[in-house]
C-alpha atoms as a PDB file:
ATOM      1  CA  MET A   1     -33.483   9.589  21.064  1.00  0.00           C
ATOM      2  CA  PRO A   2     -30.679   9.410  18.789  1.00  0.00           C
ATOM      3  CA  VAL A   3     -27.299  10.094  19.715  1.00  0.00           C
ATOM      4  CA  LEU A   4     -24.153  10.746  17.420  1.00  0.00           C
ATOM      5  CA  ALA A   5     -22.117   7.428  17.774  1.00  0.00           C
ATOM      6  CA  SER A   6     -19.152   8.384  15.478  1.00  0.00           C
ATOM      7  CA  ALA A   7     -18.018  11.433  13.795  1.00  0.00           C
ATOM      8  CA  ARG A   8     -14.437  12.180  11.647  1.00  0.00           C
ATOM      9  CA  TYR A   9     -13.893  15.395   9.025  1.00  0.00           C
ATOM     10  CA  GLY A  10     -10.887  16.379   7.178  1.00  0.00           C
ATOM     11  CA  LYS A  11      -9.237  17.254   3.565  1.00  0.00           C
ATOM     12  CA  ASP A  12      -9.249  14.153   1.142  1.00  0.00           C
ATOM     13  CA  ASN A  13      -7.544  13.709  -2.234  1.00  0.00           C
ATOM     14  CA  VAL A  14      -4.968  16.291  -1.555  1.00  0.00           C
ATOM     15  CA  ARG A  15      -2.302  16.691  -4.509  1.00  0.00           C
ATOM     16  CA  VAL A  16       1.281  17.478  -3.155  1.00  0.00           C
ATOM     17  CA  TYR A  17       4.326  17.594  -5.261  1.00  0.00           C
ATOM     18  CA  LYS A  18       7.535  18.778  -3.548  1.00  0.00           C
ATOM     19  CA  VAL A  19      10.955  18.776  -5.485  1.00  0.00           C
ATOM     20  CA  HIS A  20      14.404  18.731  -3.770  1.00  0.00           C
ATOM     21  CA  ARG A  21      16.802  20.448  -5.232  1.00  0.00           C
ATOM     22  CA  ASP A  22      20.935  19.778  -4.632  1.00  0.00           C
ATOM     23  CA  ASP A  23      22.772  23.283  -5.821  1.00  0.00           C
ATOM     24  CA  LYS A  24      26.139  21.160  -5.088  1.00  0.00           C
ATOM     25  CA  THR A  25      25.469  18.634  -7.815  1.00  0.00           C
ATOM     26  CA  GLY A  26      22.439  20.025  -9.714  1.00  0.00           C
ATOM     27  CA  VAL A  27      20.347  16.633  -9.003  1.00  0.00           C
ATOM     28  CA  GLN A  28      16.684  16.756  -8.366  1.00  0.00           C
ATOM     29  CA  SER A  29      14.504  14.469  -6.715  1.00  0.00           C
ATOM     30  CA  VAL A  30      10.765  14.956  -6.940  1.00  0.00           C
ATOM     31  CA  THR A  31       7.699  13.266  -4.603  1.00  0.00           C
ATOM     32  CA  GLU A  32       4.300  13.194  -5.629  1.00  0.00           C
ATOM     33  CA  MET A  33       1.757  12.374  -2.872  1.00  0.00           C
ATOM     34  CA  THR A  34      -2.005  12.391  -2.349  1.00  0.00           C
ATOM     35  CA  VAL A  35      -2.914  13.029   1.106  1.00  0.00           C
ATOM     36  CA  CYS A  36      -6.251  12.547   3.078  1.00  0.00           C
ATOM     37  CA  CYS A  37      -6.420  13.728   6.949  1.00  0.00           C
ATOM     38  CA  MET A  38      -9.369  13.435   9.101  1.00  0.00           C
ATOM     39  CA  LEU A  39     -10.021  14.366  12.491  1.00  0.00           C
ATOM     40  CA  GLU A  40     -12.084  13.203  15.591  1.00  0.00           C
ATOM     41  CA  GLY A  41     -12.183  14.539  18.863  1.00  0.00           C
ATOM     42  CA  GLN A  42     -15.043  16.773  20.941  1.00  0.00           C
ATOM     43  CA  ILE A  43     -16.811  18.230  17.431  1.00  0.00           C
ATOM     44  CA  GLU A  44     -20.105  16.455  18.407  1.00  0.00           C
ATOM     45  CA  THR A  45     -22.136  19.969  18.756  1.00  0.00           C
ATOM     46  CA  SER A  46     -21.096  20.638  15.253  1.00  0.00           C
ATOM     47  CA  TYR A  47     -23.257  18.037  13.897  1.00  0.00           C
ATOM     48  CA  THR A  48     -25.960  17.913  16.314  1.00  0.00           C
ATOM     49  CA  LYS A  49     -26.308  21.598  17.332  1.00  0.00           C
ATOM     50  CA  ALA A  50     -25.174  23.447  14.290  1.00  0.00           C
ATOM     51  CA  ASP A  51     -22.095  24.751  16.167  1.00  0.00           C
ATOM     52  CA  ASN A  52     -19.406  25.625  13.798  1.00  0.00           C
ATOM     53  CA  SER A  53     -16.698  26.639  16.514  1.00  0.00           C
ATOM     54  CA  VAL A  54     -15.210  23.543  17.114  1.00  0.00           C
ATOM     55  CA  VAL A  55     -14.774  23.059  13.365  1.00  0.00           C
ATOM     56  CA  VAL A  56     -10.981  23.143  12.156  1.00  0.00           C
ATOM     57  CA  ALA A  57     -12.193  23.991   8.280  1.00  0.00           C
ATOM     58  CA  THR A  58     -10.845  21.288   5.651  1.00  0.00           C
ATOM     59  CA  ASP A  59      -9.633  24.313   3.801  1.00  0.00           C
ATOM     60  CA  SER A  60      -7.280  24.862   7.020  1.00  0.00           C
ATOM     61  CA  ILE A  61      -6.301  21.547   7.014  1.00  0.00           C
ATOM     62  CA  LYS A  62      -5.504  21.404   3.160  1.00  0.00           C
ATOM     63  CA  ASN A  63      -3.501  24.540   3.722  1.00  0.00           C
ATOM     64  CA  THR A  64      -1.623  22.786   6.576  1.00  0.00           C
ATOM     65  CA  ILE A  65      -0.885  19.825   4.660  1.00  0.00           C
ATOM     66  CA  TYR A  66       0.996  22.219   2.356  1.00  0.00           C
ATOM     67  CA  ILE A  67       2.748  23.837   4.890  1.00  0.00           C
ATOM     68  CA  LYS A  68       3.855  20.739   6.502  1.00  0.00           C
ATOM     69  CA  ALA A  69       5.271  18.983   3.320  1.00  0.00           C
ATOM     70  CA  LYS A  70       7.728  22.560   3.208  1.00  0.00           C
ATOM     71  CA  GLU A  71       8.922  22.659   7.008  1.00  0.00           C
ATOM     72  CA  HIS A  72       9.518  18.966   7.337  1.00  0.00           C
ATOM     73  CA  PRO A  73      10.691  16.092   5.062  1.00  0.00           C
ATOM     74  CA  VAL A  74       8.344  14.253   2.708  1.00  0.00           C
ATOM     75  CA  ASN A  75      10.592  10.970   2.571  1.00  0.00           C
ATOM     76  CA  PRO A  76      10.183   8.763   4.550  1.00  0.00           C
ATOM     77  CA  PRO A  77       6.334   9.137   4.564  1.00  0.00           C
ATOM     78  CA  GLU A  78       5.685   7.760   7.556  1.00  0.00           C
ATOM     79  CA  LEU A  79       7.775  10.715   9.273  1.00  0.00           C
ATOM     80  CA  TYR A  80       5.813  13.422   7.298  1.00  0.00           C
ATOM     81  CA  ALA A  81       2.510  11.431   8.305  1.00  0.00           C
ATOM     82  CA  SER A  82       3.643  11.635  11.902  1.00  0.00           C
ATOM     83  CA  HIS A  83       4.401  15.275  11.918  1.00  0.00           C
ATOM     84  CA  LEU A  84       1.070  16.067   9.948  1.00  0.00           C
ATOM     85  CA  GLY A  85      -1.027  14.450  12.438  1.00  0.00           C
ATOM     86  CA  GLN A  86       0.837  15.249  15.617  1.00  0.00           C
ATOM     87  CA  HIS A  87       0.349  19.099  14.504  1.00  0.00           C
ATOM     88  CA  PHE A  88      -3.542  18.700  14.960  1.00  0.00           C
ATOM     89  CA  LEU A  89      -2.936  17.495  18.542  1.00  0.00           C
ATOM     90  CA  ASP A  90      -0.252  19.932  19.172  1.00  0.00           C
ATOM     91  CA  SER A  91      -2.913  23.174  18.157  1.00  0.00           C
ATOM     92  CA  TYR A  92      -5.975  22.462  18.857  1.00  0.00           C
ATOM     93  CA  PRO A  93      -6.730  20.726  22.392  1.00  0.00           C
ATOM     94  CA  HIS A  94     -10.222  19.649  21.349  1.00  0.00           C
ATOM     95  CA  ILE A  95      -9.011  17.370  18.930  1.00  0.00           C
ATOM     96  CA  THR A  96      -8.096  13.995  20.072  1.00  0.00           C
ATOM     97  CA  SER A  97      -6.847  12.359  16.879  1.00  0.00           C
ATOM     98  CA  ALA A  98      -5.676  12.274  13.281  1.00  0.00           C
ATOM     99  CA  HIS A  99      -5.692   9.717  10.907  1.00  0.00           C
ATOM    100  CA  ILE A 100      -3.563  10.351   8.069  1.00  0.00           C
ATOM    101  CA  LYS A 101      -3.294   8.603   4.807  1.00  0.00           C
ATOM    102  CA  VAL A 102      -0.331   9.265   2.339  1.00  0.00           C
ATOM    103  CA  VAL A 103      -0.440   7.871  -0.987  1.00  0.00           C
ATOM    104  CA  VAL A 104       3.340   7.958  -2.793  1.00  0.00           C
ATOM    105  CA  HIS A 105       3.194   7.721  -6.682  1.00  0.00           C
ATOM    106  CA  ARG A 106       6.040   6.339  -8.610  1.00  0.00           C
ATOM    107  CA  TRP A 107       8.531   8.867 -10.601  1.00  0.00           C
ATOM    108  CA  THR A 108      11.556   6.915 -12.045  1.00  0.00           C
ATOM    109  CA  ARG A 109      14.451   8.603 -12.683  1.00  0.00           C
ATOM    110  CA  MET A 110      15.333   8.958 -16.151  1.00  0.00           C
ATOM    111  CA  THR A 111      18.811   6.920 -17.548  1.00  0.00           C
ATOM    112  CA  ILE A 112      19.718   8.590 -21.056  1.00  0.00           C
ATOM    113  CA  ASP A 113      23.055   7.793 -22.436  1.00  0.00           C
ATOM    114  CA  GLY A 114      23.575   5.393 -19.921  1.00  0.00           C
ATOM    115  CA  ALA A 115      23.732   8.154 -17.198  1.00  0.00           C
ATOM    116  CA  PRO A 116      21.020   9.005 -14.444  1.00  0.00           C
ATOM    117  CA  HIS A 117      19.691  12.094 -15.584  1.00  0.00           C
ATOM    118  CA  PRO A 118      19.268  15.188 -13.180  1.00  0.00           C
ATOM    119  CA  HIS A 119      15.816  16.095 -13.420  1.00  0.00           C
ATOM    120  CA  SER A 120      13.894  13.949 -15.337  1.00  0.00           C
ATOM    121  CA  PHE A 121      11.933  10.874 -14.608  1.00  0.00           C
ATOM    122  CA  PHE A 122       8.834   8.666 -15.906  1.00  0.00           C
ATOM    123  CA  ARG A 123       6.037   6.848 -13.958  1.00  0.00           C
ATOM    124  CA  ASP A 124       7.177   2.983 -14.725  1.00  0.00           C
ATOM    125  CA  GLY A 125       3.539   1.886 -12.980  1.00  0.00           C
ATOM    126  CA  GLN A 126       0.476   2.321 -11.169  1.00  0.00           C
ATOM    127  CA  GLU A 127       1.913   0.982  -8.117  1.00  0.00           C
ATOM    128  CA  THR A 128       1.961   3.449  -4.916  1.00  0.00           C
ATOM    129  CA  ARG A 129       4.052   3.565  -1.744  1.00  0.00           C
ATOM    130  CA  ASN A 130       0.944   3.841   1.262  1.00  0.00           C
ATOM    131  CA  VAL A 131       0.914   4.929   4.743  1.00  0.00           C
ATOM    132  CA  ASP A 132      -1.460   5.132   7.082  1.00  0.00           C
ATOM    133  CA  ALA A 133      -1.183   6.924  10.739  1.00  0.00           C
ATOM    134  CA  VAL A 134      -3.023   7.101  13.438  1.00  0.00           C
ATOM    135  CA  VAL A 135      -1.470   9.683  15.756  1.00  0.00           C
ATOM    136  CA  ALA A 136      -4.082   9.868  19.515  1.00  0.00           C
ATOM    137  CA  ARG A 137      -4.022  11.926  22.212  1.00  0.00           C
ATOM    138  CA  GLY A 138      -1.783  10.160  24.980  1.00  0.00           C
ATOM    139  CA  GLN A 139      -1.853   7.053  22.946  1.00  0.00           C
ATOM    140  CA  GLY A 140       1.175   7.808  20.648  1.00  0.00           C
ATOM    141  CA  ILE A 141       1.468   6.837  16.927  1.00  0.00           C
ATOM    142  CA  ASP A 142       0.218   3.803  14.928  1.00  0.00           C
ATOM    143  CA  LEU A 143       1.760   3.184  11.151  1.00  0.00           C
ATOM    144  CA  LYS A 144       0.830   0.409   8.733  1.00  0.00           C
ATOM    145  CA  SER A 145       2.943   0.953   5.588  1.00  0.00           C
ATOM    146  CA  SER A 146       2.127  -0.650   2.333  1.00  0.00           C
ATOM    147  CA  ILE A 147       2.512  -1.530  -0.663  1.00  0.00           C
ATOM    148  CA  VAL A 148      -0.303  -1.187  -3.513  1.00  0.00           C
ATOM    149  CA  GLY A 149      -0.925  -2.271  -7.018  1.00  0.00           C
ATOM    150  CA  LEU A 150       2.009  -3.815  -7.450  1.00  0.00           C
ATOM    151  CA  GLN A 151       1.370  -5.900 -11.125  1.00  0.00           C
ATOM    152  CA  VAL A 152       2.724  -9.499 -11.402  1.00  0.00           C
ATOM    153  CA  LEU A 153       2.606 -12.276 -13.279  1.00  0.00           C
ATOM    154  CA  LYS A 154       4.645 -15.613 -13.671  1.00  0.00           C
ATOM    155  CA  SER A 155       4.000 -18.125 -16.962  1.00  0.00           C
ATOM    156  CA  THR A 156       4.367 -21.616 -15.279  1.00  0.00           C
ATOM    157  CA  GLY A 157       5.566 -22.210 -11.455  1.00  0.00           C
ATOM    158  CA  SER A 158       2.001 -22.391 -10.379  1.00  0.00           C
ATOM    159  CA  ALA A 159      -0.404 -25.182  -9.597  1.00  0.00           C
ATOM    160  CA  PHE A 160      -3.484 -25.942  -7.791  1.00  0.00           C
ATOM    161  CA  HIS A 161      -5.097 -29.207  -6.827  1.00  0.00           C
ATOM    162  CA  GLY A 162      -6.763 -31.034  -4.139  1.00  0.00           C
ATOM    163  CA  PHE A 163      -8.929 -28.627  -3.132  1.00  0.00           C
ATOM    164  CA  VAL A 164     -12.738 -29.797  -1.940  1.00  0.00           C
ATOM    165  CA  ARG A 165     -14.628 -31.091  -4.736  1.00  0.00           C
ATOM    166  CA  ASP A 166     -18.237 -31.545  -4.318  1.00  0.00           C
ATOM    167  CA  GLU A 167     -21.353 -31.168  -7.071  1.00  0.00           C
ATOM    168  CA  PHE A 168     -20.362 -27.689  -7.313  1.00  0.00           C
ATOM    169  CA  THR A 169     -17.062 -27.913  -8.313  1.00  0.00           C
ATOM    170  CA  THR A 170     -16.339 -27.593 -11.789  1.00  0.00           C
ATOM    171  CA  LEU A 171     -13.026 -26.148 -11.733  1.00  0.00           C
ATOM    172  CA  ALA A 172     -10.083 -28.781 -12.783  1.00  0.00           C
ATOM    173  CA  GLU A 173      -6.771 -29.461 -10.886  1.00  0.00           C
ATOM    174  CA  THR A 174      -3.897 -28.143 -12.311  1.00  0.00           C
ATOM    175  CA  TRP A 175      -0.355 -28.527 -12.047  1.00  0.00           C
ATOM    176  CA  ASP A 176       0.689 -25.544 -14.199  1.00  0.00           C
ATOM    177  CA  ARG A 177      -0.523 -22.727 -14.460  1.00  0.00           C
ATOM    178  CA  ILE A 178      -0.235 -18.638 -15.166  1.00  0.00           C
ATOM    179  CA  LEU A 179       0.093 -16.954 -12.029  1.00  0.00           C
ATOM    180  CA  SER A 180      -1.189 -13.331 -11.705  1.00  0.00           C
ATOM    181  CA  THR A 181      -2.089 -10.466  -9.065  1.00  0.00           C
ATOM    182  CA  ASP A 182      -2.214  -7.192  -7.906  1.00  0.00           C
ATOM    183  CA  VAL A 183      -0.053  -7.035  -4.872  1.00  0.00           C
ATOM    184  CA  ASP A 184      -1.639  -5.106  -1.835  1.00  0.00           C
ATOM    185  CA  CYS A 185       1.000  -5.661   1.004  1.00  0.00           C
ATOM    186  CA  THR A 186       0.796  -3.986   4.384  1.00  0.00           C
ATOM    187  CA  TRP A 187       2.879  -4.248   7.634  1.00  0.00           C
ATOM    188  CA  SER A 188       2.258  -2.707  11.111  1.00  0.00           C
ATOM    189  CA  TRP A 189       4.484  -1.095  13.316  1.00  0.00           C
ATOM    190  CA  LYS A 190       4.870  -1.125  16.772  1.00  0.00           C
ATOM    191  CA  ARG A 191       3.418   1.898  18.240  1.00  0.00           C
ATOM    192  CA  PHE A 192       5.571   4.704  18.500  1.00  0.00           C
ATOM    193  CA  PRO A 193       5.542   6.682  21.784  1.00  0.00           C
ATOM    194  CA  THR A 194       6.255  10.432  20.020  1.00  0.00           C
ATOM    195  CA  VAL A 195       7.076  11.884  16.578  1.00  0.00           C
ATOM    196  CA  ALA A 196      10.505  12.145  17.992  1.00  0.00           C
ATOM    197  CA  ALA A 197      10.644   8.183  18.540  1.00  0.00           C
ATOM    198  CA  VAL A 198       9.841   7.849  14.689  1.00  0.00           C
ATOM    199  CA  HIS A 199      12.204   9.906  13.426  1.00  0.00           C
ATOM    200  CA  GLU A 200      15.009   8.309  15.500  1.00  0.00           C
ATOM    201  CA  GLY A 201      16.164   5.461  12.872  1.00  0.00           C
ATOM    202  CA  VAL A 202      14.338   7.015  10.821  1.00  0.00           C
ATOM    203  CA  GLU A 203      15.980   4.780   7.697  1.00  0.00           C
ATOM    204  CA  ARG A 204      13.960   2.107   9.123  1.00  0.00           C
ATOM    205  CA  PHE A 205      11.302   2.905   7.029  1.00  0.00           C
ATOM    206  CA  ASP A 206      12.808   3.032   3.522  1.00  0.00           C
ATOM    207  CA  LYS A 207      14.538  -0.412   4.787  1.00  0.00           C
ATOM    208  CA  ALA A 208      11.737  -2.254   5.346  1.00  0.00           C
ATOM    209  CA  TRP A 209       9.878  -1.197   2.170  1.00  0.00           C
ATOM    210  CA  GLU A 210      12.492  -2.675   0.085  1.00  0.00           C
ATOM    211  CA  SER A 211      12.805  -5.333   1.827  1.00  0.00           C
ATOM    212  CA  ALA A 212       8.988  -6.212   1.692  1.00  0.00           C
ATOM    213  CA  ARG A 213       9.056  -5.343  -2.261  1.00  0.00           C
ATOM    214  CA  ASN A 214      12.113  -7.629  -2.781  1.00  0.00           C
ATOM    215  CA  ILE A 215      10.502 -10.552  -0.980  1.00  0.00           C
ATOM    216  CA  THR A 216       7.663 -10.058  -2.578  1.00  0.00           C
ATOM    217  CA  MET A 217       8.925 -10.158  -5.645  1.00  0.00           C
ATOM    218  CA  LYS A 218      11.577 -12.851  -5.102  1.00  0.00           C
ATOM    219  CA  THR A 219       8.999 -15.424  -3.585  1.00  0.00           C
ATOM    220  CA  PHE A 220       6.147 -14.852  -6.108  1.00  0.00           C
ATOM    221  CA  ALA A 221       8.827 -15.448  -8.939  1.00  0.00           C
ATOM    222  CA  THR A 222      10.788 -18.553  -7.289  1.00  0.00           C
ATOM    223  CA  ASP A 223       8.061 -20.608  -5.051  1.00  0.00           C
ATOM    224  CA  GLU A 224       6.781 -23.490  -6.885  1.00  0.00           C
ATOM    225  CA  SER A 225       3.725 -22.402  -5.350  1.00  0.00           C
ATOM    226  CA  ALA A 226       0.767 -24.740  -4.627  1.00  0.00           C
ATOM    227  CA  SER A 227      -1.233 -22.418  -3.570  1.00  0.00           C
ATOM    228  CA  VAL A 228      -2.047 -18.520  -3.304  1.00  0.00           C
ATOM    229  CA  GLN A 229      -2.551 -18.786   0.138  1.00  0.00           C
ATOM    230  CA  ASN A 230       0.800 -20.848   0.827  1.00  0.00           C
ATOM    231  CA  THR A 231       2.814 -18.447  -1.378  1.00  0.00           C
ATOM    232  CA  MET A 232       1.582 -15.219   0.630  1.00  0.00           C
ATOM    233  CA  TYR A 233       2.310 -16.748   4.142  1.00  0.00           C
ATOM    234  CA  LYS A 234       5.911 -17.841   3.033  1.00  0.00           C
ATOM    235  CA  MET A 235       6.255 -13.719   1.910  1.00  0.00           C
ATOM    236  CA  SER A 236       4.812 -12.445   5.454  1.00  0.00           C
ATOM    237  CA  GLU A 237       6.878 -14.770   7.600  1.00  0.00           C
ATOM    238  CA  GLN A 238       9.859 -13.908   5.445  1.00  0.00           C
ATOM    239  CA  ILE A 239       9.434  -9.838   6.263  1.00  0.00           C
ATOM    240  CA  LEU A 240       8.625 -10.781   9.754  1.00  0.00           C
ATOM    241  CA  GLU A 241      11.969 -12.198  10.084  1.00  0.00           C
ATOM    242  CA  ALA A 242      13.497  -9.398   8.270  1.00  0.00           C
ATOM    243  CA  VAL A 243      12.066  -6.332  10.060  1.00  0.00           C
ATOM    244  CA  PRO A 244      12.247  -6.880  13.741  1.00  0.00           C
ATOM    245  CA  GLU A 245       9.916  -3.988  14.861  1.00  0.00           C
ATOM    246  CA  VAL A 246       6.902  -5.055  12.459  1.00  0.00           C
ATOM    247  CA  GLU A 247       4.472  -6.812  14.593  1.00  0.00           C
ATOM    248  CA  ARG A 248       1.820  -8.074  11.523  1.00  0.00           C
ATOM    249  CA  VAL A 249       2.187  -8.493   7.804  1.00  0.00           C
ATOM    250  CA  GLY A 250      -0.869  -8.610   5.391  1.00  0.00           C
ATOM    251  CA  TYR A 251      -1.462  -9.352   1.937  1.00  0.00           C
ATOM    252  CA  SER A 252      -4.509  -9.042  -0.396  1.00  0.00           C
ATOM    253  CA  LEU A 253      -3.881 -10.737  -3.745  1.00  0.00           C
ATOM    254  CA  PRO A 254      -6.627 -11.241  -6.218  1.00  0.00           C
ATOM    255  CA  ASN A 255      -6.082 -14.348  -8.154  1.00  0.00           C
ATOM    256  CA  LYS A 256      -6.167 -12.668 -11.827  1.00  0.00           C
ATOM    257  CA  HIS A 257      -6.992 -15.640 -14.304  1.00  0.00           C
ATOM    258  CA  TYR A 258      -6.062 -16.447 -17.935  1.00  0.00           C
ATOM    259  CA  PHE A 259      -7.651 -19.010 -19.265  1.00  0.00           C
ATOM    260  CA  GLU A 260      -6.964 -21.553 -22.104  1.00  0.00           C
ATOM    261  CA  ILE A 261      -9.025 -21.351 -25.312  1.00  0.00           C
ATOM    262  CA  ASP A 262     -10.340 -24.229 -26.942  1.00  0.00           C
ATOM    263  CA  LEU A 263      -9.161 -24.024 -31.092  1.00  0.00           C
ATOM    264  CA  SER A 264      -9.786 -27.317 -32.017  1.00  0.00           C
ATOM    265  CA  TRP A 265     -12.414 -26.159 -34.308  1.00  0.00           C
ATOM    266  CA  HIS A 266     -10.300 -24.476 -36.545  1.00  0.00           C
ATOM    267  CA  LYS A 267      -8.451 -27.340 -38.796  1.00  0.00           C
ATOM    268  CA  GLY A 268      -7.831 -29.420 -35.357  1.00  0.00           C
ATOM    269  CA  LEU A 269      -5.358 -26.256 -33.803  1.00  0.00           C
ATOM    270  CA  LYS A 270      -4.001 -27.389 -30.817  1.00  0.00           C
ATOM    271  CA  ASN A 271      -4.429 -24.864 -28.246  1.00  0.00           C
ATOM    272  CA  THR A 272      -4.739 -26.595 -24.761  1.00  0.00           C
ATOM    273  CA  GLY A 273      -3.140 -28.255 -22.370  1.00  0.00           C
ATOM    274  CA  LYS A 274       0.912 -28.961 -22.783  1.00  0.00           C
ATOM    275  CA  ASP A 275      -0.108 -26.959 -26.583  1.00  0.00           C
ATOM    276  CA  ALA A 276      -1.549 -24.104 -24.944  1.00  0.00           C
ATOM    277  CA  GLU A 277       0.043 -20.638 -25.642  1.00  0.00           C
ATOM    278  CA  VAL A 278      -3.031 -17.963 -26.469  1.00  0.00           C
ATOM    279  CA  TYR A 279      -4.884 -17.151 -23.796  1.00  0.00           C
ATOM    280  CA  ALA A 280      -8.002 -14.749 -22.837  1.00  0.00           C
ATOM    281  CA  PRO A 281      -7.132 -12.769 -19.728  1.00  0.00           C
ATOM    282  CA  GLN A 282     -10.458 -12.454 -17.594  1.00  0.00           C
ATOM    283  CA  SER A 283     -11.345  -8.800 -15.991  1.00  0.00           C
ATOM    284  CA  GLY A 284     -13.659 -10.779 -13.511  1.00  0.00           C
ATOM    285  CA  PRO A 285     -15.133 -12.485 -11.440  1.00  0.00           C
ATOM    286  CA  ASN A 286     -11.255 -13.689  -9.717  1.00  0.00           C
ATOM    287  CA  GLY A 287     -10.329 -15.119  -6.714  1.00  0.00           C
ATOM    288  CA  LEU A 288      -9.744 -12.949  -3.624  1.00  0.00           C
ATOM    289  CA  ILE A 289      -6.923 -14.393  -0.899  1.00  0.00           C
ATOM    290  CA  LYS A 290      -6.072 -12.440   2.017  1.00  0.00           C
ATOM    291  CA  CYS A 291      -4.537 -13.333   5.312  1.00  0.00           C
ATOM    292  CA  GLU A 292      -2.555 -11.382   8.330  1.00  0.00           C
ATOM    293  CA  VAL A 293       0.379 -13.020  10.117  1.00  0.00           C
ATOM    294  CA  ALA A 294       1.599 -11.850  13.030  1.00  0.00           C
ATOM    295  CA  ARG A 295       4.363 -12.290  16.013  1.00  0.00           C
ATOM    296  CA  SER A 296       3.174 -15.262  18.150  1.00  0.00           C
END
């Protein structure tokens, strides 16, 4: 006999833009987000018995996302996600957990004639600041913060040698290579008992994001990398040291390859080894390296 093993539903891809206007200075700040909200609870009869009386319509969920963005700050996104998730538990006794994902898109203030412009912005990359929140009845709030899609490259300072060689190996060892990746970095916070606990010391979230981003870029740039694996571990342990309230740090780094092009067929043109200047960027396949580093 079939049994409903799990069920979750909600509204995805809700695009939200909020402007904050400082009437004293005339300076405006903007935040653009994409929000997903999924609900779990005593909803099985909507699947098994066509009983819609337990369903909070996804259109209502969409409207709630907008209303909570009006009623509460959307920065930091960790706080907004906590308020949003807690609303569904407070409002609907049969809902046991709310899963909130917030993706914050980049808008960077323009500098015009050497001064920051009060209300004009530009998008300086596809990197996003993400938050995943789970607000569960009787269990508190679990938050994961992340940097997604931070594109980085360095033209030297990376090596890869000493790896396993057998009958399947064609890759040459190298002591100097291009290293490029799209950084996905996630840090998991110790559980918060309430929204009030999230709000207390709320500045921790922006500080952690800044620390994680700065550590990632500085270590990437300055580390004489023996491998992606070793470099990402160094990043992780520094973030754990910088943010005591974080329990675990994870990285997912695709190794985006740039291959030398042998041009010797054209008049003996040298373009390999120490003479390499022109490379062919590869779209795939690529290496994919992941790790999670936790406190012992």
